[in-house]
Protein backbone atom coordinates (compact mmCIF):
# COMPACT_ATOMS: atom_id res chain seq x y z
CA UNK A 1 -11.87 9.89 -16.87
CA UNK A 2 -12.49 6.66 -15.55
CA UNK A 3 -12.12 4.58 -11.90
CA UNK A 4 -10.52 1.39 -11.75
CA UNK A 5 -10.45 -1.07 -8.97
CA UNK A 6 -8.54 -3.88 -8.17
CA UNK A 7 -7.85 -6.84 -5.49
CA UNK A 8 -5.45 -9.49 -5.11
CA UNK A 9 -4.98 -12.00 -2.08
CA UNK A 10 -1.88 -14.60 -1.45
CA UNK A 11 -2.08 -16.96 1.18
CA UNK A 12 1.02 -17.21 3.64
CA UNK A 13 3.68 -20.08 3.06
CA UNK A 14 7.04 -21.33 5.02
CA UNK A 15 9.52 -21.19 2.19
CA UNK A 16 12.82 -19.43 3.25
CA UNK A 17 13.79 -19.54 -0.08
CA UNK A 18 11.02 -17.41 -1.51
CA UNK A 19 11.33 -13.77 -0.41
CA UNK A 20 8.23 -11.80 0.88
CA UNK A 21 7.64 -8.79 -1.53
CA UNK A 22 4.94 -6.18 -1.01
CA UNK A 23 5.07 -2.98 -3.47
CA UNK A 24 8.32 -3.86 -5.18
CA UNK A 25 9.77 -4.25 -1.87
CA UNK A 26 11.37 -7.16 0.23
CA UNK A 27 10.50 -7.29 3.75
CA UNK A 28 12.06 -9.35 6.61
CA UNK A 29 9.58 -12.47 7.37
CA UNK A 30 9.19 -15.81 8.69
CA UNK A 31 6.61 -16.15 5.63
CA UNK A 32 6.13 -15.74 1.87
CA UNK A 33 3.20 -15.70 -0.28
CA UNK A 34 1.67 -18.33 -2.59
CA UNK A 35 1.82 -17.72 -6.26
CA UNK A 36 3.22 -18.03 -9.23
CA UNK A 37 5.00 -14.67 -9.76
CA UNK A 38 6.66 -13.28 -6.80
CA UNK A 39 3.05 -12.68 -5.50
CA UNK A 40 3.40 -9.17 -4.71
CA UNK A 41 -0.32 -8.37 -3.92
CA UNK A 42 0.06 -4.63 -3.70
CA UNK A 43 1.27 -4.54 -7.36
CA UNK A 44 -1.11 -6.52 -8.96
CA UNK A 45 -3.91 -5.37 -7.37
CA UNK A 46 -2.42 -2.11 -9.04
CA UNK A 47 -2.05 -3.78 -12.29
CA UNK A 48 -6.14 -4.81 -12.35
CA UNK A 49 -7.14 -1.26 -11.26
CA UNK A 50 -5.31 0.03 -14.54
CA UNK A 51 -6.22 -2.62 -16.99
CA UNK A 52 -10.02 -2.71 -16.48
CA UNK A 53 -11.03 0.59 -16.91
CA UNK A 54 -8.81 1.35 -19.89
CA UNK A 55 -10.69 -1.96 -21.31
CA UNK A 56 -7.65 -4.02 -21.26
CA UNK A 57 -8.48 -6.94 -18.93
CA UNK A 58 -7.12 -7.87 -16.04
CA UNK A 59 -3.52 -9.13 -15.26
CA UNK A 60 -4.64 -13.00 -15.50
CA UNK A 61 -5.49 -12.57 -19.21
CA UNK A 62 -2.15 -10.12 -19.52
CA UNK A 63 0.12 -12.32 -17.52
CA UNK A 64 -1.69 -15.54 -17.31
CA UNK A 65 -0.25 -18.11 -14.32
CA UNK A 66 -0.10 -20.99 -16.95
CA UNK A 67 2.55 -19.52 -18.56
CA UNK A 68 5.89 -20.73 -17.34
CA UNK A 69 7.76 -17.23 -18.41
CA UNK A 70 5.92 -15.62 -15.64
CA UNK A 71 7.26 -17.99 -13.02
CA UNK A 72 8.92 -15.83 -10.24
CA UNK A 73 8.22 -12.85 -12.27
CA UNK A 74 9.03 -9.26 -11.15
CA UNK A 75 5.52 -7.70 -10.77
CA UNK A 76 7.54 -4.55 -10.76
CA UNK A 77 8.29 -5.34 -14.51
CA UNK A 78 4.66 -6.46 -15.25
CA UNK A 79 3.45 -3.22 -13.71
CA UNK A 80 5.71 -1.36 -16.02
CA UNK A 81 4.31 -3.25 -19.25
CA UNK A 82 0.88 -2.55 -17.99
CA UNK A 83 1.39 1.47 -17.70
CA UNK A 84 2.93 1.02 -21.31
CA UNK A 85 0.06 -0.66 -22.20
CA UNK A 86 -2.34 1.79 -20.68
CA UNK A 87 -0.70 4.90 -21.90
CA UNK A 88 -0.57 3.57 -25.61
CA UNK A 89 -4.29 3.34 -25.21
CA UNK A 90 -4.25 7.37 -24.67
CA UNK A 91 -4.73 7.01 -21.01
CA UNK A 92 -3.11 9.00 -18.42
CA UNK A 93 -2.67 7.72 -14.73
CA UNK A 94 -4.52 10.33 -12.20
CA UNK A 95 -3.34 8.36 -9.16
CA UNK A 96 -3.54 5.12 -7.30
CA UNK A 97 -4.75 4.59 -3.62
CA UNK A 98 -4.17 1.14 -1.99
CA UNK A 99 -5.44 -0.59 1.16
CA UNK A 100 -3.25 -3.30 2.57
CA UNK A 101 -5.25 -6.35 4.92
CA UNK A 102 -2.82 -8.21 6.87
CA UNK A 103 -1.89 -9.26 10.36
CA UNK A 104 2.32 -8.98 9.32
CA UNK A 105 4.01 -7.45 8.18
CA UNK A 106 3.46 -4.20 9.47
CA UNK A 107 4.11 -1.88 6.47
CA UNK A 108 4.42 1.61 7.76
CA UNK A 109 8.25 1.29 7.99
CA UNK A 110 8.28 0.89 4.22
CA UNK A 111 5.24 2.45 3.08
CA UNK A 112 7.32 5.42 1.65
CA UNK A 113 9.56 3.49 -0.33
CA UNK A 114 6.76 1.29 -1.75
CA UNK A 115 4.90 4.44 -2.75
CA UNK A 116 8.03 5.83 -4.29
CA UNK A 117 8.86 2.52 -6.29
CA UNK A 118 4.98 2.46 -7.64
CA UNK A 119 4.82 6.34 -8.26
CA UNK A 120 7.87 6.20 -10.37
CA UNK A 121 6.30 3.35 -12.48
CA UNK A 122 2.80 4.60 -13.26
CA UNK A 123 4.63 8.59 -13.24
CA UNK A 124 1.60 9.50 -10.99
CA UNK A 125 0.84 9.75 -6.75
CA UNK A 126 0.35 6.60 -5.26
CA UNK A 127 -0.53 6.25 -1.46
CA UNK A 128 -0.65 2.96 1.00
CA UNK A 129 -2.43 2.22 3.97
CA UNK A 130 -2.14 -0.67 5.99
CA UNK A 131 -5.00 -1.96 7.95
CA UNK A 132 -5.34 -5.45 10.18
CA UNK A 133 -8.55 -7.50 10.07
CA UNK A 134 -8.41 -7.21 13.89
CA UNK A 135 -9.94 -10.74 14.05
CA UNK A 136 -12.79 -10.09 11.96
CA UNK A 137 -11.56 -12.25 9.24
CA UNK A 138 -9.78 -15.80 9.77
CA UNK A 139 -7.66 -14.93 6.92
CA UNK A 140 -3.88 -16.56 6.63
CA UNK A 141 -2.38 -14.33 4.37
CA UNK A 142 -2.11 -10.71 2.52
CA UNK A 143 -4.96 -8.79 0.32
CA UNK A 144 -4.86 -5.88 -1.15
CA UNK A 145 -7.48 -3.32 -2.53
CA UNK A 146 -6.31 -0.67 -5.27
CA UNK A 147 -8.37 2.19 -6.75
CA UNK A 148 -7.27 4.14 -9.68
CA UNK A 149 -7.77 7.35 -11.21
CA UNK A 150 -7.81 7.20 -15.10
CA UNK A 151 -8.01 10.36 -17.72
CA UNK A 152 -8.17 10.48 -21.48
CA UNK A 153 -8.12 13.42 -23.63
CA UNK A 154 -10.66 14.09 -26.30
CA UNK A 155 -8.08 15.66 -28.57
């Protein structure tokens, strides 16, 4: 068994053409997140938590932001590709747990939908929880920490 840890963060931007996507779900918001792909911090942190313990690098290695084919990429598709790679190396995903740090939006209303979308792709349980920095950080964006557990049979 191996434990993986992932982290991602993106700053808020005002761009009415760009949706705010978290956990594969679009949120109504006056803000979006800056980045090359769809900037889904939850999915990106999940990807890193899966790739690293399997010895497969990280999201930037697999999907470099210098590559134009990943411009505005759907992070759920990137997660699907990552899961296929992890499984091809003989790993089984046991679970992923995520902590989302943001003042806005509140994720509670869409938490179950996000957990379901990610769980369907990784074929394992996913749990999400929202945390606010409560003034502790002068942070103008959203961050996510993800921890995953992988197992590999010796057969």
